[in-house]
Amino acid sequence: PRVELAWAMKAHQHAQVYFNLISSVDPKFLSLTKVDDRIYEEFRKTFRDLRVDVLDPEDLKSEPAK
């Protein structure tokens, strides 16, 4: 139990550090992988009109979205 608790505490600390890092950068300039641009291009080919600035769950459940 002590090892598991220590691991969980360390994982939480790392998560906080990474969250603070990605929260402090404007998303326009945030790059998580070397292929971010390629992933986004492919995403846009598939979901041309999907607004990602505001996601409405009901829009995603609609018949055209399916």
PDB file of N, CA and C in Angstrom:
ATOM      1  N   PRO A   1       0.808  -1.223   0.000  1.00  0.00           N
ATOM      2  CA  PRO A   1       0.000   0.000   0.000  1.00  0.00           C
ATOM      3  C   PRO A   1       0.841   1.274   0.000  1.00  0.00           C
ATOM      4  N   ARG A   2       1.961   1.255   0.707  1.00  0.00           N
ATOM      5  CA  ARG A   2       2.796   2.462   0.761  1.00  0.00           C
ATOM      6  C   ARG A   2       3.411   2.775  -0.602  1.00  0.00           C
ATOM      7  N   VAL A   3       3.844   1.732  -1.293  1.00  0.00           N
ATOM      8  CA  VAL A   3       4.440   1.929  -2.618  1.00  0.00           C
ATOM      9  C   VAL A   3       3.395   2.477  -3.577  1.00  0.00           C
ATOM     10  N   GLU A   4       2.193   1.925  -3.526  1.00  0.00           N
ATOM     11  CA  GLU A   4       1.126   2.401  -4.409  1.00  0.00           C
ATOM     12  C   GLU A   4       0.770   3.846  -4.109  1.00  0.00           C
ATOM     13  N   LEU A   5       0.716   4.199  -2.837  1.00  0.00           N
ATOM     14  CA  LEU A   5       0.407   5.580  -2.455  1.00  0.00           C
ATOM     15  C   LEU A   5       1.513   6.519  -2.920  1.00  0.00           C
ATOM     16  N   ALA A   6       2.760   6.119  -2.728  1.00  0.00           N
ATOM     17  CA  ALA A   6       3.883   6.953  -3.165  1.00  0.00           C
ATOM     18  C   ALA A   6       3.850   7.138  -4.678  1.00  0.00           C
ATOM     19  N   TRP A   7       3.550   6.067  -5.410  1.00  0.00           N
ATOM     20  CA  TRP A   7       3.470   6.156  -6.867  1.00  0.00           C
ATOM     21  C   TRP A   7       2.349   7.105  -7.277  1.00  0.00           C
ATOM     22  N   ALA A   8       1.197   6.977  -6.625  1.00  0.00           N
ATOM     23  CA  ALA A   8       0.058   7.844  -6.964  1.00  0.00           C
ATOM     24  C   ALA A   8       0.383   9.301  -6.684  1.00  0.00           C
ATOM     25  N   MET A   9       1.052   9.568  -5.601  1.00  0.00           N
ATOM     26  CA  MET A   9       1.413  10.954  -5.271  1.00  0.00           C
ATOM     27  C   MET A   9       2.392  11.511  -6.306  1.00  0.00           C
ATOM     28  N   LYS A  10       3.363  10.699  -6.711  1.00  0.00           N
ATOM     29  CA  LYS A  10       4.334  11.134  -7.714  1.00  0.00           C
ATOM     30  C   LYS A  10       3.655  11.373  -9.065  1.00  0.00           C
ATOM     31  N   ALA A  11       2.747  10.474  -9.427  1.00  0.00           N
ATOM     32  CA  ALA A  11       2.013  10.631 -10.688  1.00  0.00           C
ATOM     33  C   ALA A  11       1.186  11.915 -10.663  1.00  0.00           C
ATOM     34  N   HIS A  12       0.578  12.215  -9.525  1.00  0.00           N
ATOM     35  CA  HIS A  12      -0.221  13.439  -9.400  1.00  0.00           C
ATOM     36  C   HIS A  12       0.667  14.677  -9.546  1.00  0.00           C
ATOM     37  N   GLN A  13       1.837  14.644  -8.938  1.00  0.00           N
ATOM     38  CA  GLN A  13       2.763  15.771  -9.057  1.00  0.00           C
ATOM     39  C   GLN A  13       3.179  15.991 -10.508  1.00  0.00           C
ATOM     40  N   HIS A  14       3.498  14.904 -11.209  1.00  0.00           N
ATOM     41  CA  HIS A  14       3.884  15.018 -12.619  1.00  0.00           C
ATOM     42  C   HIS A  14       2.721  15.562 -13.452  1.00  0.00           C
ATOM     43  N   ALA A  15       1.522  15.087 -13.178  1.00  0.00           N
ATOM     44  CA  ALA A  15       0.352  15.560 -13.918  1.00  0.00           C
ATOM     45  C   ALA A  15       0.154  17.060 -13.706  1.00  0.00           C
ATOM     46  N   GLN A  16       0.341  17.519 -12.484  1.00  0.00           N
ATOM     47  CA  GLN A  16       0.198  18.952 -12.206  1.00  0.00           C
ATOM     48  C   GLN A  16       1.236  19.767 -12.976  1.00  0.00           C
ATOM     49  N   VAL A  17       2.469  19.298 -13.015  1.00  0.00           N
ATOM     50  CA  VAL A  17       3.524  20.009 -13.735  1.00  0.00           C
ATOM     51  C   VAL A  17       3.184  20.094 -15.217  1.00  0.00           C
ATOM     52  N   TYR A  18       2.802  18.978 -15.820  1.00  0.00           N
ATOM     53  CA  TYR A  18       2.475  18.981 -17.249  1.00  0.00           C
ATOM     54  C   TYR A  18       1.241  19.832 -17.535  1.00  0.00           C
ATOM     55  N   PHE A  19       0.239  19.772 -16.672  1.00  0.00           N
ATOM     56  CA  PHE A  19      -0.944  20.596 -16.868  1.00  0.00           C
ATOM     57  C   PHE A  19      -0.567  22.077 -16.826  1.00  0.00           C
ATOM     58  N   ASN A  20       0.259  22.450 -15.866  1.00  0.00           N
ATOM     59  CA  ASN A  20       0.699  23.846 -15.777  1.00  0.00           C
ATOM     60  C   ASN A  20       1.473  24.263 -17.019  1.00  0.00           C
ATOM     61  N   LEU A  21       2.301  23.366 -17.539  1.00  0.00           N
ATOM     62  CA  LEU A  21       3.060  23.686 -18.757  1.00  0.00           C
ATOM     63  C   LEU A  21       2.144  23.908 -19.954  1.00  0.00           C
ATOM     64  N   ILE A  22       1.216  22.982 -20.189  1.00  0.00           N
ATOM     65  CA  ILE A  22       0.366  23.137 -21.370  1.00  0.00           C
ATOM     66  C   ILE A  22      -0.665  24.236 -21.185  1.00  0.00           C
ATOM     67  N   SER A  23      -0.983  24.576 -19.942  1.00  0.00           N
ATOM     68  CA  SER A  23      -1.938  25.664 -19.694  1.00  0.00           C
ATOM     69  C   SER A  23      -1.296  27.034 -19.848  1.00  0.00           C
ATOM     70  N   SER A  24       0.013  27.093 -19.768  1.00  0.00           N
ATOM     71  CA  SER A  24       0.681  28.391 -19.820  1.00  0.00           C
ATOM     72  C   SER A  24       1.051  28.808 -21.238  1.00  0.00           C
ATOM     73  N   VAL A  25       0.805  27.951 -22.209  1.00  0.00           N
ATOM     74  CA  VAL A  25       1.162  28.237 -23.597  1.00  0.00           C
ATOM     75  C   VAL A  25      -0.103  28.427 -24.420  1.00  0.00           C
ATOM     76  N   ASP A  26      -0.099  29.445 -25.273  1.00  0.00           N
ATOM     77  CA  ASP A  26      -1.219  29.643 -26.190  1.00  0.00           C
ATOM     78  C   ASP A  26      -1.329  28.409 -27.082  1.00  0.00           C
ATOM     79  N   PRO A  27      -2.505  27.786 -27.180  1.00  0.00           N
ATOM     80  CA  PRO A  27      -2.656  26.558 -27.966  1.00  0.00           C
ATOM     81  C   PRO A  27      -2.162  26.668 -29.400  1.00  0.00           C
ATOM     82  N   LYS A  28      -2.168  27.883 -29.970  1.00  0.00           N
ATOM     83  CA  LYS A  28      -1.658  28.067 -31.328  1.00  0.00           C
ATOM     84  C   LYS A  28      -0.196  27.664 -31.433  1.00  0.00           C
ATOM     85  N   PHE A  29       0.525  27.831 -30.343  1.00  0.00           N
ATOM     86  CA  PHE A  29       1.970  27.594 -30.357  1.00  0.00           C
ATOM     87  C   PHE A  29       2.357  26.292 -29.657  1.00  0.00           C
ATOM     88  N   LEU A  30       1.371  25.544 -29.194  1.00  0.00           N
ATOM     89  CA  LEU A  30       1.642  24.317 -28.460  1.00  0.00           C
ATOM     90  C   LEU A  30       1.837  23.153 -29.419  1.00  0.00           C
ATOM     91  N   SER A  31       2.946  22.484 -29.287  1.00  0.00           N
ATOM     92  CA  SER A  31       3.231  21.320 -30.116  1.00  0.00           C
ATOM     93  C   SER A  31       3.576  20.159 -29.189  1.00  0.00           C
ATOM     94  N   LEU A  32       2.749  19.116 -29.212  1.00  0.00           N
ATOM     95  CA  LEU A  32       2.965  17.984 -28.319  1.00  0.00           C
ATOM     96  C   LEU A  32       3.778  16.878 -28.967  1.00  0.00           C
ATOM     97  N   THR A  33       3.667  16.759 -30.300  1.00  0.00           N
ATOM     98  CA  THR A  33       4.434  15.735 -31.001  1.00  0.00           C
ATOM     99  C   THR A  33       5.030  16.333 -32.270  1.00  0.00           C
ATOM    100  N   LYS A  34       5.901  15.586 -32.907  1.00  0.00           N
ATOM    101  CA  LYS A  34       6.524  16.049 -34.145  1.00  0.00           C
ATOM    102  C   LYS A  34       5.545  16.031 -35.310  1.00  0.00           C
ATOM    103  N   VAL A  35       4.463  15.306 -35.174  1.00  0.00           N
ATOM    104  CA  VAL A  35       3.521  15.161 -36.286  1.00  0.00           C
ATOM    105  C   VAL A  35       2.174  15.835 -36.011  1.00  0.00           C
ATOM    106  N   ASP A  36       2.147  16.811 -35.122  1.00  0.00           N
ATOM    107  CA  ASP A  36       0.898  17.513 -34.800  1.00  0.00           C
ATOM    108  C   ASP A  36       0.217  18.082 -36.040  1.00  0.00           C
ATOM    109  N   ASP A  37       0.996  18.735 -36.901  1.00  0.00           N
ATOM    110  CA  ASP A  37       0.416  19.352 -38.098  1.00  0.00           C
ATOM    111  C   ASP A  37      -0.209  18.295 -39.010  1.00  0.00           C
ATOM    112  N   ARG A  38       0.453  17.189 -39.166  1.00  0.00           N
ATOM    113  CA  ARG A  38      -0.064  16.094 -40.013  1.00  0.00           C
ATOM    114  C   ARG A  38      -1.351  15.516 -39.411  1.00  0.00           C
ATOM    115  N   ILE A  39      -1.373  15.335 -38.101  1.00  0.00           N
ATOM    116  CA  ILE A  39      -2.574  14.826 -37.431  1.00  0.00           C
ATOM    117  C   ILE A  39      -3.735  15.786 -37.660  1.00  0.00           C
ATOM    118  N   TYR A  40      -3.478  17.080 -37.513  1.00  0.00           N
ATOM    119  CA  TYR A  40      -4.541  18.071 -37.702  1.00  0.00           C
ATOM    120  C   TYR A  40      -5.027  18.096 -39.150  1.00  0.00           C
ATOM    121  N   GLU A  41      -4.121  17.993 -40.110  1.00  0.00           N
ATOM    122  CA  GLU A  41      -4.521  17.954 -41.525  1.00  0.00           C
ATOM    123  C   GLU A  41      -5.461  16.780 -41.790  1.00  0.00           C
ATOM    124  N   GLU A  42      -5.105  15.612 -41.279  1.00  0.00           N
ATOM    125  CA  GLU A  42      -5.937  14.426 -41.478  1.00  0.00           C
ATOM    126  C   GLU A  42      -7.282  14.583 -40.767  1.00  0.00           C
ATOM    127  N   PHE A  43      -7.259  15.159 -39.583  1.00  0.00           N
ATOM    128  CA  PHE A  43      -8.490  15.421 -38.836  1.00  0.00           C
ATOM    129  C   PHE A  43      -9.416  16.317 -39.653  1.00  0.00           C
ATOM    130  N   ARG A  44      -8.862  17.383 -40.227  1.00  0.00           N
ATOM    131  CA  ARG A  44      -9.661  18.329 -41.003  1.00  0.00           C
ATOM    132  C   ARG A  44     -10.175  17.717 -42.304  1.00  0.00           C
ATOM    133  N   LYS A  45      -9.452  16.782 -42.888  1.00  0.00           N
ATOM    134  CA  LYS A  45      -9.956  16.100 -44.082  1.00  0.00           C
ATOM    135  C   LYS A  45     -11.227  15.320 -43.748  1.00  0.00           C
ATOM    136  N   THR A  46     -11.233  14.711 -42.588  1.00  0.00           N
ATOM    137  CA  THR A  46     -12.376  13.897 -42.176  1.00  0.00           C
ATOM    138  C   THR A  46     -13.509  14.751 -41.619  1.00  0.00           C
ATOM    139  N   PHE A  47     -13.174  15.747 -40.835  1.00  0.00           N
ATOM    140  CA  PHE A  47     -14.176  16.580 -40.171  1.00  0.00           C
ATOM    141  C   PHE A  47     -14.021  18.031 -40.612  1.00  0.00           C
ATOM    142  N   ARG A  48     -14.327  18.290 -41.871  1.00  0.00           N
ATOM    143  CA  ARG A  48     -14.113  19.615 -42.462  1.00  0.00           C
ATOM    144  C   ARG A  48     -14.842  20.739 -41.736  1.00  0.00           C
ATOM    145  N   ASP A  49     -16.083  20.515 -41.356  1.00  0.00           N
ATOM    146  CA  ASP A  49     -16.909  21.596 -40.811  1.00  0.00           C
ATOM    147  C   ASP A  49     -17.080  21.553 -39.306  1.00  0.00           C
ATOM    148  N   LEU A  50     -16.406  20.653 -38.636  1.00  0.00           N
ATOM    149  CA  LEU A  50     -16.566  20.529 -37.188  1.00  0.00           C
ATOM    150  C   LEU A  50     -15.897  21.703 -36.488  1.00  0.00           C
ATOM    151  N   ARG A  51     -16.698  22.416 -35.716  1.00  0.00           N
ATOM    152  CA  ARG A  51     -16.152  23.517 -34.928  1.00  0.00           C
ATOM    153  C   ARG A  51     -15.524  22.933 -33.669  1.00  0.00           C
ATOM    154  N   VAL A  52     -14.250  23.158 -33.480  1.00  0.00           N
ATOM    155  CA  VAL A  52     -13.582  22.625 -32.303  1.00  0.00           C
ATOM    156  C   VAL A  52     -13.427  23.667 -31.201  1.00  0.00           C
ATOM    157  N   ASP A  53     -13.796  24.911 -31.493  1.00  0.00           N
ATOM    158  CA  ASP A  53     -13.708  25.935 -30.453  1.00  0.00           C
ATOM    159  C   ASP A  53     -14.809  25.761 -29.411  1.00  0.00           C
ATOM    160  N   VAL A  54     -15.986  25.301 -29.857  1.00  0.00           N
ATOM    161  CA  VAL A  54     -17.094  25.039 -28.942  1.00  0.00           C
ATOM    162  C   VAL A  54     -17.750  23.739 -29.385  1.00  0.00           C
ATOM    163  N   LEU A  55     -17.650  22.714 -28.557  1.00  0.00           N
ATOM    164  CA  LEU A  55     -18.265  21.434 -28.883  1.00  0.00           C
ATOM    165  C   LEU A  55     -19.576  21.288 -28.128  1.00  0.00           C
ATOM    166  N   ASP A  56     -20.633  21.006 -28.862  1.00  0.00           N
ATOM    167  CA  ASP A  56     -21.946  20.776 -28.271  1.00  0.00           C
ATOM    168  C   ASP A  56     -22.254  19.284 -28.398  1.00  0.00           C
ATOM    169  N   PRO A  57     -22.406  18.588 -27.283  1.00  0.00           N
ATOM    170  CA  PRO A  57     -22.674  17.147 -27.342  1.00  0.00           C
ATOM    171  C   PRO A  57     -23.886  16.793 -28.203  1.00  0.00           C
ATOM    172  N   GLU A  58     -24.886  17.638 -28.213  1.00  0.00           N
ATOM    173  CA  GLU A  58     -26.077  17.361 -29.019  1.00  0.00           C
ATOM    174  C   GLU A  58     -25.771  17.416 -30.510  1.00  0.00           C
ATOM    175  N   ASP A  59     -24.879  18.328 -30.908  1.00  0.00           N
ATOM    176  CA  ASP A  59     -24.462  18.383 -32.313  1.00  0.00           C
ATOM    177  C   ASP A  59     -23.728  17.119 -32.709  1.00  0.00           C
ATOM    178  N   LEU A  60     -22.933  16.597 -31.809  1.00  0.00           N
ATOM    179  CA  LEU A  60     -22.174  15.382 -32.105  1.00  0.00           C
ATOM    180  C   LEU A  60     -23.076  14.154 -32.207  1.00  0.00           C
ATOM    181  N   LYS A  61     -24.233  14.213 -31.529  1.00  0.00           N
ATOM    182  CA  LYS A  61     -25.164  13.083 -31.544  1.00  0.00           C
ATOM    183  C   LYS A  61     -26.149  13.164 -32.706  1.00  0.00           C
ATOM    184  N   SER A  62     -26.144  14.272 -33.441  1.00  0.00           N
ATOM    185  CA  SER A  62     -27.109  14.463 -34.507  1.00  0.00           C
ATOM    186  C   SER A  62     -26.881  13.447 -35.640  1.00  0.00           C
ATOM    187  N   GLU A  63     -27.893  13.252 -36.452  1.00  0.00           N
ATOM    188  CA  GLU A  63     -27.815  12.298 -37.562  1.00  0.00           C
ATOM    189  C   GLU A  63     -26.721  12.668 -38.575  1.00  0.00           C
ATOM    190  N   PRO A  64     -26.615  13.955 -38.973  1.00  0.00           N
ATOM    191  CA  PRO A  64     -25.543  14.314 -39.930  1.00  0.00           C
ATOM    192  C   PRO A  64     -24.148  14.074 -39.351  1.00  0.00           C
ATOM    193  N   ALA A  65     -23.993  14.265 -38.026  1.00  0.00           N
ATOM    194  CA  ALA A  65     -22.684  14.076 -37.417  1.00  0.00           C
ATOM    195  C   ALA A  65     -22.278  12.610 -37.386  1.00  0.00           C
ATOM    196  N   LYS A  66     -23.271  11.734 -37.339  1.00  0.00           N
ATOM    197  CA  LYS A  66     -22.965  10.307 -37.301  1.00  0.00           C
ATOM    198  C   LYS A  66     -22.490   9.856 -38.644  1.00  0.00           C
TER     199      LYS A  66
END
